[in-house]
Amino acid sequence: MKHAEDLPHDNISRLTKTLLFIAVTSLLSFCKPSNPAISADSDAQAETAIVSTITINHVEIRRDILAQLQKREIQYWINEDNSIGFSPADAEIIDSIYYEVVGAYAARN
């Protein structure tokens, strides 16, 4: 019976690399991407829209943001969890509206 110290170092290294490769390959084959934009299942993705949300609990700031979204005719909706949903394409303008509204609120108070 051969002991580990009797085996050549190169064989152990090669065996370790092979086992590591098999383990990583197996693990990756069972993983699914969490980002719907990069999923390989395009048929299912065609039915699921990619959206962004923002949650604002401050009543006055929320009211002012909703008023600005309406004024600028930006499409939005209110989700069941009371967050504001919008298209990711509008993220930059919504960021600027948010900072504008928060700045105005801070200046008033």
PDB file of N, CA and C in Angstrom:
ATOM      1  N   MET A   1       0.840  -1.176   0.000  1.00  0.00           N
ATOM      2  CA  MET A   1       0.000   0.000   0.000  1.00  0.00           C
ATOM      3  C   MET A   1       0.890   1.247   0.000  1.00  0.00           C
ATOM      4  N   LYS A   2       0.592   2.156  -0.916  1.00  0.00           N
ATOM      5  CA  LYS A   2       1.386   3.380  -1.021  1.00  0.00           C
ATOM      6  C   LYS A   2       0.760   4.474  -0.178  1.00  0.00           C
ATOM      7  N   HIS A   3       1.610   5.246   0.440  1.00  0.00           N
ATOM      8  CA  HIS A   3       1.166   6.385   1.227  1.00  0.00           C
ATOM      9  C   HIS A   3       1.286   7.635   0.373  1.00  0.00           C
ATOM     10  N   ALA A   4       0.631   8.709   0.809  1.00  0.00           N
ATOM     11  CA  ALA A   4       0.644   9.962   0.054  1.00  0.00           C
ATOM     12  C   ALA A   4       2.061  10.471  -0.161  1.00  0.00           C
ATOM     13  N   GLU A   5       2.921  10.256   0.831  1.00  0.00           N
ATOM     14  CA  GLU A   5       4.292  10.749   0.671  1.00  0.00           C
ATOM     15  C   GLU A   5       5.085   9.921  -0.325  1.00  0.00           C
ATOM     16  N   ASP A   6       4.613   8.703  -0.632  1.00  0.00           N
ATOM     17  CA  ASP A   6       5.289   7.853  -1.608  1.00  0.00           C
ATOM     18  C   ASP A   6       4.941   8.239  -3.045  1.00  0.00           C
ATOM     19  N   LEU A   7       3.786   8.958  -3.259  1.00  0.00           N
ATOM     20  CA  LEU A   7       3.382   9.344  -4.602  1.00  0.00           C
ATOM     21  C   LEU A   7       4.177  10.556  -5.062  1.00  0.00           C
ATOM     22  N   PRO A   8       4.500  10.603  -6.326  1.00  0.00           N
ATOM     23  CA  PRO A   8       5.215  11.785  -6.838  1.00  0.00           C
ATOM     24  C   PRO A   8       4.356  13.040  -6.680  1.00  0.00           C
ATOM     25  N   HIS A   9       5.006  14.152  -6.407  1.00  0.00           N
ATOM     26  CA  HIS A   9       4.324  15.434  -6.189  1.00  0.00           C
ATOM     27  C   HIS A   9       3.520  15.859  -7.414  1.00  0.00           C
ATOM     28  N   ASP A  10       4.027  15.624  -8.602  1.00  0.00           N
ATOM     29  CA  ASP A  10       3.342  16.025  -9.825  1.00  0.00           C
ATOM     30  C   ASP A  10       2.002  15.305  -9.977  1.00  0.00           C
ATOM     31  N   ASN A  11       1.945  14.033  -9.602  1.00  0.00           N
ATOM     32  CA  ASN A  11       0.693  13.286  -9.706  1.00  0.00           C
ATOM     33  C   ASN A  11      -0.366  13.820  -8.752  1.00  0.00           C
ATOM     34  N   ILE A  12       0.041  14.189  -7.551  1.00  0.00           N
ATOM     35  CA  ILE A  12      -0.897  14.762  -6.585  1.00  0.00           C
ATOM     36  C   ILE A  12      -1.394  16.107  -7.090  1.00  0.00           C
ATOM     37  N   SER A  13      -0.497  16.901  -7.598  1.00  0.00           N
ATOM     38  CA  SER A  13      -0.875  18.202  -8.116  1.00  0.00           C
ATOM     39  C   SER A  13      -1.832  18.063  -9.293  1.00  0.00           C
ATOM     40  N   ARG A  14      -1.563  17.138 -10.189  1.00  0.00           N
ATOM     41  CA  ARG A  14      -2.412  16.913 -11.356  1.00  0.00           C
ATOM     42  C   ARG A  14      -3.784  16.401 -10.910  1.00  0.00           C
ATOM     43  N   LEU A  15      -3.801  15.494  -9.939  1.00  0.00           N
ATOM     44  CA  LEU A  15      -5.046  14.960  -9.415  1.00  0.00           C
ATOM     45  C   LEU A  15      -5.860  16.057  -8.733  1.00  0.00           C
ATOM     46  N   THR A  16      -5.204  16.896  -7.959  1.00  0.00           N
ATOM     47  CA  THR A  16      -5.869  17.995  -7.277  1.00  0.00           C
ATOM     48  C   THR A  16      -6.481  18.962  -8.280  1.00  0.00           C
ATOM     49  N   LYS A  17      -5.728  19.296  -9.306  1.00  0.00           N
ATOM     50  CA  LYS A  17      -6.234  20.211 -10.334  1.00  0.00           C
ATOM     51  C   LYS A  17      -7.432  19.609 -11.064  1.00  0.00           C
ATOM     52  N   THR A  18      -7.359  18.333 -11.363  1.00  0.00           N
ATOM     53  CA  THR A  18      -8.450  17.660 -12.061  1.00  0.00           C
ATOM     54  C   THR A  18      -9.713  17.647 -11.200  1.00  0.00           C
ATOM     55  N   LEU A  19      -9.567  17.294  -9.929  1.00  0.00           N
ATOM     56  CA  LEU A  19     -10.719  17.270  -9.028  1.00  0.00           C
ATOM     57  C   LEU A  19     -11.305  18.669  -8.835  1.00  0.00           C
ATOM     58  N   LEU A  20     -10.449  19.654  -8.732  1.00  0.00           N
ATOM     59  CA  LEU A  20     -10.902  21.029  -8.590  1.00  0.00           C
ATOM     60  C   LEU A  20     -11.665  21.468  -9.836  1.00  0.00           C
ATOM     61  N   PHE A  21     -11.152  21.127 -11.004  1.00  0.00           N
ATOM     62  CA  PHE A  21     -11.818  21.471 -12.260  1.00  0.00           C
ATOM     63  C   PHE A  21     -13.199  20.819 -12.335  1.00  0.00           C
ATOM     64  N   ILE A  22     -13.290  19.565 -11.966  1.00  0.00           N
ATOM     65  CA  ILE A  22     -14.576  18.847 -11.994  1.00  0.00           C
ATOM     66  C   ILE A  22     -15.554  19.483 -11.011  1.00  0.00           C
ATOM     67  N   ALA A  23     -15.084  19.826  -9.829  1.00  0.00           N
ATOM     68  CA  ALA A  23     -15.951  20.435  -8.816  1.00  0.00           C
ATOM     69  C   ALA A  23     -16.485  21.790  -9.281  1.00  0.00           C
ATOM     70  N   VAL A  24     -15.619  22.620  -9.818  1.00  0.00           N
ATOM     71  CA  VAL A  24     -16.030  23.948 -10.277  1.00  0.00           C
ATOM     72  C   VAL A  24     -16.989  23.830 -11.460  1.00  0.00           C
ATOM     73  N   THR A  25     -16.692  22.950 -12.400  1.00  0.00           N
ATOM     74  CA  THR A  25     -17.565  22.755 -13.554  1.00  0.00           C
ATOM     75  C   THR A  25     -18.939  22.270 -13.125  1.00  0.00           C
ATOM     76  N   SER A  26     -18.977  21.345 -12.191  1.00  0.00           N
ATOM     77  CA  SER A  26     -20.256  20.845 -11.690  1.00  0.00           C
ATOM     78  C   SER A  26     -21.042  21.950 -11.008  1.00  0.00           C
ATOM     79  N   LEU A  27     -20.373  22.723 -10.179  1.00  0.00           N
ATOM     80  CA  LEU A  27     -21.027  23.807  -9.469  1.00  0.00           C
ATOM     81  C   LEU A  27     -21.601  24.828 -10.445  1.00  0.00           C
ATOM     82  N   LEU A  28     -20.829  25.214 -11.432  1.00  0.00           N
ATOM     83  CA  LEU A  28     -21.285  26.204 -12.396  1.00  0.00           C
ATOM     84  C   LEU A  28     -22.430  25.690 -13.257  1.00  0.00           C
ATOM     85  N   SER A  29     -22.461  24.417 -13.525  1.00  0.00           N
ATOM     86  CA  SER A  29     -23.536  23.883 -14.359  1.00  0.00           C
ATOM     87  C   SER A  29     -24.873  23.885 -13.633  1.00  0.00           C
ATOM     88  N   PHE A  30     -24.864  23.924 -12.305  1.00  0.00           N
ATOM     89  CA  PHE A  30     -26.100  23.946 -11.539  1.00  0.00           C
ATOM     90  C   PHE A  30     -26.546  25.358 -11.182  1.00  0.00           C
ATOM     91  N   CYS A  31     -25.694  26.339 -11.380  1.00  0.00           N
ATOM     92  CA  CYS A  31     -26.029  27.717 -11.042  1.00  0.00           C
ATOM     93  C   CYS A  31     -26.799  28.363 -12.182  1.00  0.00           C
ATOM     94  N   LYS A  32     -27.746  29.230 -11.815  1.00  0.00           N
ATOM     95  CA  LYS A  32     -28.489  30.000 -12.802  1.00  0.00           C
ATOM     96  C   LYS A  32     -28.240  31.464 -12.511  1.00  0.00           C
ATOM     97  N   PRO A  33     -28.141  32.290 -13.531  1.00  0.00           N
ATOM     98  CA  PRO A  33     -27.912  33.711 -13.291  1.00  0.00           C
ATOM     99  C   PRO A  33     -29.119  34.352 -12.614  1.00  0.00           C
ATOM    100  N   SER A  34     -28.861  35.261 -11.682  1.00  0.00           N
ATOM    101  CA  SER A  34     -29.956  35.921 -10.985  1.00  0.00           C
ATOM    102  C   SER A  34     -30.423  37.164 -11.723  1.00  0.00           C
ATOM    103  N   ASN A  35     -29.620  37.659 -12.643  1.00  0.00           N
ATOM    104  CA  ASN A  35     -29.990  38.830 -13.421  1.00  0.00           C
ATOM    105  C   ASN A  35     -30.757  38.383 -14.653  1.00  0.00           C
ATOM    106  N   PRO A  36     -32.042  38.764 -14.783  1.00  0.00           N
ATOM    107  CA  PRO A  36     -32.821  38.299 -15.919  1.00  0.00           C
ATOM    108  C   PRO A  36     -32.282  38.780 -17.257  1.00  0.00           C
ATOM    109  N   ALA A  37     -31.497  39.844 -17.254  1.00  0.00           N
ATOM    110  CA  ALA A  37     -30.972  40.367 -18.513  1.00  0.00           C
ATOM    111  C   ALA A  37     -29.936  39.446 -19.132  1.00  0.00           C
ATOM    112  N   ILE A  38     -29.299  38.574 -18.323  1.00  0.00           N
ATOM    113  CA  ILE A  38     -28.256  37.716 -18.872  1.00  0.00           C
ATOM    114  C   ILE A  38     -28.643  36.256 -18.885  1.00  0.00           C
ATOM    115  N   SER A  39     -29.912  35.959 -18.635  1.00  0.00           N
ATOM    116  CA  SER A  39     -30.360  34.574 -18.622  1.00  0.00           C
ATOM    117  C   SER A  39     -30.393  34.005 -20.033  1.00  0.00           C
ATOM    118  N   ALA A  40     -30.070  32.733 -20.157  1.00  0.00           N
ATOM    119  CA  ALA A  40     -30.080  32.083 -21.459  1.00  0.00           C
ATOM    120  C   ALA A  40     -31.478  31.705 -21.892  1.00  0.00           C
ATOM    121  N   ASP A  41     -32.437  31.722 -20.997  1.00  0.00           N
ATOM    122  CA  ASP A  41     -33.810  31.333 -21.305  1.00  0.00           C
ATOM    123  C   ASP A  41     -34.565  32.542 -21.867  1.00  0.00           C
ATOM    124  N   SER A  42     -34.376  32.810 -23.147  1.00  0.00           N
ATOM    125  CA  SER A  42     -34.928  34.021 -23.753  1.00  0.00           C
ATOM    126  C   SER A  42     -36.439  33.961 -23.907  1.00  0.00           C
ATOM    127  N   ASP A  43     -37.041  32.775 -24.063  1.00  0.00           N
ATOM    128  CA  ASP A  43     -38.490  32.678 -24.192  1.00  0.00           C
ATOM    129  C   ASP A  43     -39.179  33.136 -22.914  1.00  0.00           C
ATOM    130  N   ALA A  44     -38.667  32.710 -21.785  1.00  0.00           N
ATOM    131  CA  ALA A  44     -39.253  33.128 -20.515  1.00  0.00           C
ATOM    132  C   ALA A  44     -39.000  34.609 -20.277  1.00  0.00           C
ATOM    133  N   GLN A  45     -37.862  35.101 -20.719  1.00  0.00           N
ATOM    134  CA  GLN A  45     -37.524  36.503 -20.508  1.00  0.00           C
ATOM    135  C   GLN A  45     -38.388  37.423 -21.345  1.00  0.00           C
ATOM    136  N   ALA A  46     -38.861  36.972 -22.486  1.00  0.00           N
ATOM    137  CA  ALA A  46     -39.710  37.800 -23.326  1.00  0.00           C
ATOM    138  C   ALA A  46     -41.000  38.154 -22.594  1.00  0.00           C
ATOM    139  N   GLU A  47     -41.439  37.293 -21.701  1.00  0.00           N
ATOM    140  CA  GLU A  47     -42.664  37.520 -20.956  1.00  0.00           C
ATOM    141  C   GLU A  47     -42.434  38.349 -19.694  1.00  0.00           C
ATOM    142  N   THR A  48     -41.209  38.426 -19.205  1.00  0.00           N
ATOM    143  CA  THR A  48     -40.900  39.124 -17.968  1.00  0.00           C
ATOM    144  C   THR A  48     -40.175  40.426 -18.285  1.00  0.00           C
ATOM    145  N   ALA A  49     -40.781  41.546 -17.942  1.00  0.00           N
ATOM    146  CA  ALA A  49     -40.164  42.843 -18.204  1.00  0.00           C
ATOM    147  C   ALA A  49     -39.151  43.160 -17.112  1.00  0.00           C
ATOM    148  N   ILE A  50     -38.091  43.832 -17.485  1.00  0.00           N
ATOM    149  CA  ILE A  50     -37.087  44.266 -16.522  1.00  0.00           C
ATOM    150  C   ILE A  50     -37.494  45.666 -16.063  1.00  0.00           C
ATOM    151  N   VAL A  51     -37.636  45.832 -14.754  1.00  0.00           N
ATOM    152  CA  VAL A  51     -38.092  47.102 -14.197  1.00  0.00           C
ATOM    153  C   VAL A  51     -37.198  47.520 -13.039  1.00  0.00           C
ATOM    154  N   SER A  52     -37.308  48.789 -12.691  1.00  0.00           N
ATOM    155  CA  SER A  52     -36.609  49.325 -11.531  1.00  0.00           C
ATOM    156  C   SER A  52     -37.649  49.873 -10.571  1.00  0.00           C
ATOM    157  N   THR A  53     -37.278  49.961  -9.308  1.00  0.00           N
ATOM    158  CA  THR A  53     -38.194  50.512  -8.311  1.00  0.00           C
ATOM    159  C   THR A  53     -37.448  51.440  -7.364  1.00  0.00           C
ATOM    160  N   ILE A  54     -38.216  52.311  -6.762  1.00  0.00           N
ATOM    161  CA  ILE A  54     -37.686  53.188  -5.718  1.00  0.00           C
ATOM    162  C   ILE A  54     -38.732  53.234  -4.608  1.00  0.00           C
ATOM    163  N   THR A  55     -38.283  53.143  -3.384  1.00  0.00           N
ATOM    164  CA  THR A  55     -39.183  53.210  -2.238  1.00  0.00           C
ATOM    165  C   THR A  55     -38.887  54.484  -1.474  1.00  0.00           C
ATOM    166  N   ILE A  56     -39.916  55.301  -1.294  1.00  0.00           N
ATOM    167  CA  ILE A  56     -39.776  56.573  -0.588  1.00  0.00           C
ATOM    168  C   ILE A  56     -40.855  56.626   0.480  1.00  0.00           C
ATOM    169  N   ASN A  57     -40.456  56.681   1.725  1.00  0.00           N
ATOM    170  CA  ASN A  57     -41.404  56.663   2.830  1.00  0.00           C
ATOM    171  C   ASN A  57     -41.794  58.058   3.299  1.00  0.00           C
ATOM    172  N   HIS A  58     -40.998  59.044   2.979  1.00  0.00           N
ATOM    173  CA  HIS A  58     -41.296  60.414   3.402  1.00  0.00           C
ATOM    174  C   HIS A  58     -42.440  60.949   2.533  1.00  0.00           C
ATOM    175  N   VAL A  59     -43.547  61.278   3.159  1.00  0.00           N
ATOM    176  CA  VAL A  59     -44.781  61.620   2.444  1.00  0.00           C
ATOM    177  C   VAL A  59     -44.592  62.832   1.516  1.00  0.00           C
ATOM    178  N   GLU A  60     -43.999  63.885   2.022  1.00  0.00           N
ATOM    179  CA  GLU A  60     -43.853  65.110   1.230  1.00  0.00           C
ATOM    180  C   GLU A  60     -42.902  64.906   0.044  1.00  0.00           C
ATOM    181  N   ILE A  61     -41.788  64.230   0.268  1.00  0.00           N
ATOM    182  CA  ILE A  61     -40.834  63.974  -0.813  1.00  0.00           C
ATOM    183  C   ILE A  61     -41.461  63.049  -1.857  1.00  0.00           C
ATOM    184  N   ARG A  62     -42.172  62.032  -1.399  1.00  0.00           N
ATOM    185  CA  ARG A  62     -42.841  61.105  -2.324  1.00  0.00           C
ATOM    186  C   ARG A  62     -43.861  61.852  -3.187  1.00  0.00           C
ATOM    187  N   ARG A  63     -44.663  62.695  -2.541  1.00  0.00           N
ATOM    188  CA  ARG A  63     -45.672  63.469  -3.281  1.00  0.00           C
ATOM    189  C   ARG A  63     -45.029  64.351  -4.345  1.00  0.00           C
ATOM    190  N   ASP A  64     -43.924  65.018  -3.989  1.00  0.00           N
ATOM    191  CA  ASP A  64     -43.243  65.893  -4.943  1.00  0.00           C
ATOM    192  C   ASP A  64     -42.604  65.111  -6.089  1.00  0.00           C
ATOM    193  N   ILE A  65     -42.064  63.937  -5.791  1.00  0.00           N
ATOM    194  CA  ILE A  65     -41.477  63.105  -6.853  1.00  0.00           C
ATOM    195  C   ILE A  65     -42.564  62.630  -7.807  1.00  0.00           C
ATOM    196  N   LEU A  66     -43.696  62.172  -7.278  1.00  0.00           N
ATOM    197  CA  LEU A  66     -44.792  61.741  -8.138  1.00  0.00           C
ATOM    198  C   LEU A  66     -45.312  62.894  -8.993  1.00  0.00           C
ATOM    199  N   ALA A  67     -45.371  64.095  -8.422  1.00  0.00           N
ATOM    200  CA  ALA A  67     -45.808  65.269  -9.187  1.00  0.00           C
ATOM    201  C   ALA A  67     -44.845  65.559 -10.340  1.00  0.00           C
ATOM    202  N   GLN A  68     -43.535  65.436 -10.076  1.00  0.00           N
ATOM    203  CA  GLN A  68     -42.543  65.676 -11.128  1.00  0.00           C
ATOM    204  C   GLN A  68     -42.606  64.601 -12.215  1.00  0.00           C
ATOM    205  N   LEU A  69     -42.851  63.363 -11.824  1.00  0.00           N
ATOM    206  CA  LEU A  69     -42.964  62.290 -12.816  1.00  0.00           C
ATOM    207  C   LEU A  69     -44.154  62.550 -13.736  1.00  0.00           C
ATOM    208  N   GLN A  70     -45.258  62.993 -13.160  1.00  0.00           N
ATOM    209  CA  GLN A  70     -46.430  63.315 -13.970  1.00  0.00           C
ATOM    210  C   GLN A  70     -46.164  64.530 -14.852  1.00  0.00           C
ATOM    211  N   LYS A  71     -45.565  65.555 -14.287  1.00  0.00           N
ATOM    212  CA  LYS A  71     -45.283  66.785 -15.025  1.00  0.00           C
ATOM    213  C   LYS A  71     -44.380  66.521 -16.229  1.00  0.00           C
ATOM    214  N   ARG A  72     -43.388  65.643 -16.049  1.00  0.00           N
ATOM    215  CA  ARG A  72     -42.435  65.334 -17.127  1.00  0.00           C
ATOM    216  C   ARG A  72     -42.889  64.156 -17.991  1.00  0.00           C
ATOM    217  N   GLU A  73     -44.087  63.658 -17.705  1.00  0.00           N
ATOM    218  CA  GLU A  73     -44.698  62.566 -18.469  1.00  0.00           C
ATOM    219  C   GLU A  73     -43.814  61.319 -18.525  1.00  0.00           C
ATOM    220  N   ILE A  74     -43.268  60.972 -17.369  1.00  0.00           N
ATOM    221  CA  ILE A  74     -42.452  59.761 -17.241  1.00  0.00           C
ATOM    222  C   ILE A  74     -43.367  58.639 -16.774  1.00  0.00           C
ATOM    223  N   GLN A  75     -43.337  57.529 -17.494  1.00  0.00           N
ATOM    224  CA  GLN A  75     -44.194  56.394 -17.145  1.00  0.00           C
ATOM    225  C   GLN A  75     -43.727  55.771 -15.834  1.00  0.00           C
ATOM    226  N   TYR A  76     -44.677  55.574 -14.926  1.00  0.00           N
ATOM    227  CA  TYR A  76     -44.386  54.937 -13.641  1.00  0.00           C
ATOM    228  C   TYR A  76     -45.642  54.233 -13.174  1.00  0.00           C
ATOM    229  N   TRP A  77     -45.516  53.419 -12.142  1.00  0.00           N
ATOM    230  CA  TRP A  77     -46.652  52.737 -11.546  1.00  0.00           C
ATOM    231  C   TRP A  77     -46.339  52.499 -10.081  1.00  0.00           C
ATOM    232  N   ILE A  78     -47.387  52.293  -9.306  1.00  0.00           N
ATOM    233  CA  ILE A  78     -47.225  52.009  -7.885  1.00  0.00           C
ATOM    234  C   ILE A  78     -47.367  50.499  -7.700  1.00  0.00           C
ATOM    235  N   ASN A  79     -46.355  49.880  -7.135  1.00  0.00           N
ATOM    236  CA  ASN A  79     -46.345  48.435  -6.900  1.00  0.00           C
ATOM    237  C   ASN A  79     -47.137  48.087  -5.638  1.00  0.00           C
ATOM    238  N   GLU A  80     -47.392  46.802  -5.461  1.00  0.00           N
ATOM    239  CA  GLU A  80     -48.147  46.340  -4.290  1.00  0.00           C
ATOM    240  C   GLU A  80     -47.465  46.703  -2.971  1.00  0.00           C
ATOM    241  N   ASP A  81     -46.123  46.758  -2.991  1.00  0.00           N
ATOM    242  CA  ASP A  81     -45.392  47.108  -1.764  1.00  0.00           C
ATOM    243  C   ASP A  81     -45.258  48.625  -1.586  1.00  0.00           C
ATOM    244  N   ASN A  82     -46.008  49.385  -2.396  1.00  0.00           N
ATOM    245  CA  ASN A  82     -46.049  50.846  -2.361  1.00  0.00           C
ATOM    246  C   ASN A  82     -44.797  51.511  -2.931  1.00  0.00           C
ATOM    247  N   SER A  83     -43.897  50.727  -3.521  1.00  0.00           N
ATOM    248  CA  SER A  83     -42.743  51.324  -4.188  1.00  0.00           C
ATOM    249  C   SER A  83     -43.187  51.872  -5.545  1.00  0.00           C
ATOM    250  N   ILE A  84     -42.369  52.733  -6.117  1.00  0.00           N
ATOM    251  CA  ILE A  84     -42.659  53.320  -7.419  1.00  0.00           C
ATOM    252  C   ILE A  84     -41.855  52.541  -8.455  1.00  0.00           C
ATOM    253  N   GLY A  85     -42.532  51.954  -9.424  1.00  0.00           N
ATOM    254  CA  GLY A  85     -41.871  51.196 -10.470  1.00  0.00           C
ATOM    255  C   GLY A  85     -41.676  52.058 -11.707  1.00  0.00           C
ATOM    256  N   PHE A  86     -40.590  51.804 -12.431  1.00  0.00           N
ATOM    257  CA  PHE A  86     -40.314  52.565 -13.653  1.00  0.00           C
ATOM    258  C   PHE A  86     -39.360  51.777 -14.528  1.00  0.00           C
ATOM    259  N   SER A  87     -39.250  52.189 -15.761  1.00  0.00           N
ATOM    260  CA  SER A  87     -38.339  51.548 -16.707  1.00  0.00           C
ATOM    261  C   SER A  87     -36.900  51.925 -16.380  1.00  0.00           C
ATOM    262  N   PRO A  88     -35.967  50.978 -16.482  1.00  0.00           N
ATOM    263  CA  PRO A  88     -34.559  51.312 -16.242  1.00  0.00           C
ATOM    264  C   PRO A  88     -34.030  52.396 -17.184  1.00  0.00           C
ATOM    265  N   ALA A  89     -34.663  52.550 -18.330  1.00  0.00           N
ATOM    266  CA  ALA A  89     -34.233  53.597 -19.263  1.00  0.00           C
ATOM    267  C   ALA A  89     -34.432  54.994 -18.671  1.00  0.00           C
ATOM    268  N   ASP A  90     -35.345  55.114 -17.700  1.00  0.00           N
ATOM    269  CA  ASP A  90     -35.620  56.406 -17.071  1.00  0.00           C
ATOM    270  C   ASP A  90     -34.854  56.614 -15.771  1.00  0.00           C
ATOM    271  N   ALA A  91     -33.937  55.739 -15.448  1.00  0.00           N
ATOM    272  CA  ALA A  91     -33.247  55.796 -14.152  1.00  0.00           C
ATOM    273  C   ALA A  91     -32.489  57.105 -13.944  1.00  0.00           C
ATOM    274  N   GLU A  92     -31.798  57.594 -14.959  1.00  0.00           N
ATOM    275  CA  GLU A  92     -31.021  58.833 -14.785  1.00  0.00           C
ATOM    276  C   GLU A  92     -31.923  60.021 -14.497  1.00  0.00           C
ATOM    277  N   ILE A  93     -33.014  60.156 -15.246  1.00  0.00           N
ATOM    278  CA  ILE A  93     -33.915  61.291 -15.026  1.00  0.00           C
ATOM    279  C   ILE A  93     -34.602  61.181 -13.673  1.00  0.00           C
ATOM    280  N   ILE A  94     -34.911  59.957 -13.251  1.00  0.00           N
ATOM    281  CA  ILE A  94     -35.543  59.781 -11.941  1.00  0.00           C
ATOM    282  C   ILE A  94     -34.542  60.095 -10.830  1.00  0.00           C
ATOM    283  N   ASP A  95     -33.281  59.744 -11.027  1.00  0.00           N
ATOM    284  CA  ASP A  95     -32.241  60.139 -10.058  1.00  0.00           C
ATOM    285  C   ASP A  95     -32.174  61.655  -9.932  1.00  0.00           C
ATOM    286  N   SER A  96     -32.186  62.349 -11.070  1.00  0.00           N
ATOM    287  CA  SER A  96     -32.084  63.805 -11.014  1.00  0.00           C
ATOM    288  C   SER A  96     -33.328  64.420 -10.370  1.00  0.00           C
ATOM    289  N   ILE A  97     -34.505  63.850 -10.641  1.00  0.00           N
ATOM    290  CA  ILE A  97     -35.733  64.332  -9.996  1.00  0.00           C
ATOM    291  C   ILE A  97     -35.633  64.126  -8.488  1.00  0.00           C
ATOM    292  N   TYR A  98     -35.156  62.951  -8.071  1.00  0.00           N
ATOM    293  CA  TYR A  98     -35.023  62.652  -6.647  1.00  0.00           C
ATOM    294  C   TYR A  98     -34.122  63.675  -5.957  1.00  0.00           C
ATOM    295  N   TYR A  99     -32.940  63.927  -6.528  1.00  0.00           N
ATOM    296  CA  TYR A  99     -32.009  64.864  -5.899  1.00  0.00           C
ATOM    297  C   TYR A  99     -32.560  66.288  -5.907  1.00  0.00           C
ATOM    298  N   GLU A 100     -33.270  66.641  -6.965  1.00  0.00           N
ATOM    299  CA  GLU A 100     -33.881  67.969  -7.048  1.00  0.00           C
ATOM    300  C   GLU A 100     -34.946  68.138  -5.958  1.00  0.00           C
ATOM    301  N   VAL A 101     -35.795  67.133  -5.792  1.00  0.00           N
ATOM    302  CA  VAL A 101     -36.872  67.192  -4.797  1.00  0.00           C
ATOM    303  C   VAL A 101     -36.304  67.192  -3.378  1.00  0.00           C
ATOM    304  N   VAL A 102     -35.331  66.341  -3.110  1.00  0.00           N
ATOM    305  CA  VAL A 102     -34.730  66.289  -1.778  1.00  0.00           C
ATOM    306  C   VAL A 102     -34.015  67.604  -1.471  1.00  0.00           C
ATOM    307  N   GLY A 103     -33.332  68.176  -2.469  1.00  0.00           N
ATOM    308  CA  GLY A 103     -32.676  69.469  -2.267  1.00  0.00           C
ATOM    309  C   GLY A 103     -33.663  70.570  -1.966  1.00  0.00           C
ATOM    310  N   ALA A 104     -34.772  70.587  -2.683  1.00  0.00           N
ATOM    311  CA  ALA A 104     -35.806  71.594  -2.436  1.00  0.00           C
ATOM    312  C   ALA A 104     -36.420  71.417  -1.049  1.00  0.00           C
ATOM    313  N   TYR A 105     -36.626  70.165  -0.653  1.00  0.00           N
ATOM    314  CA  TYR A 105     -37.175  69.890   0.686  1.00  0.00           C
ATOM    315  C   TYR A 105     -36.200  70.375   1.760  1.00  0.00           C
ATOM    316  N   ALA A 106     -34.920  70.095   1.579  1.00  0.00           N
ATOM    317  CA  ALA A 106     -33.920  70.522   2.555  1.00  0.00           C
ATOM    318  C   ALA A 106     -33.841  72.047   2.644  1.00  0.00           C
ATOM    319  N   ALA A 107     -33.969  72.695   1.508  1.00  0.00           N
ATOM    320  CA  ALA A 107     -33.909  74.165   1.507  1.00  0.00           C
ATOM    321  C   ALA A 107     -35.121  74.775   2.223  1.00  0.00           C
ATOM    322  N   ARG A 108     -36.275  74.128   2.120  1.00  0.00           N
ATOM    323  CA  ARG A 108     -37.482  74.632   2.780  1.00  0.00           C
ATOM    324  C   ARG A 108     -37.444  74.417   4.288  1.00  0.00           C
ATOM    325  N   ASN A 109     -36.745  73.375   4.701  1.00  0.00           N
ATOM    326  CA  ASN A 109     -36.752  73.035   6.115  1.00  0.00           C
ATOM    327  C   ASN A 109     -35.439  73.359   6.695  1.00  0.00           C
TER     328      ASN A 109
END
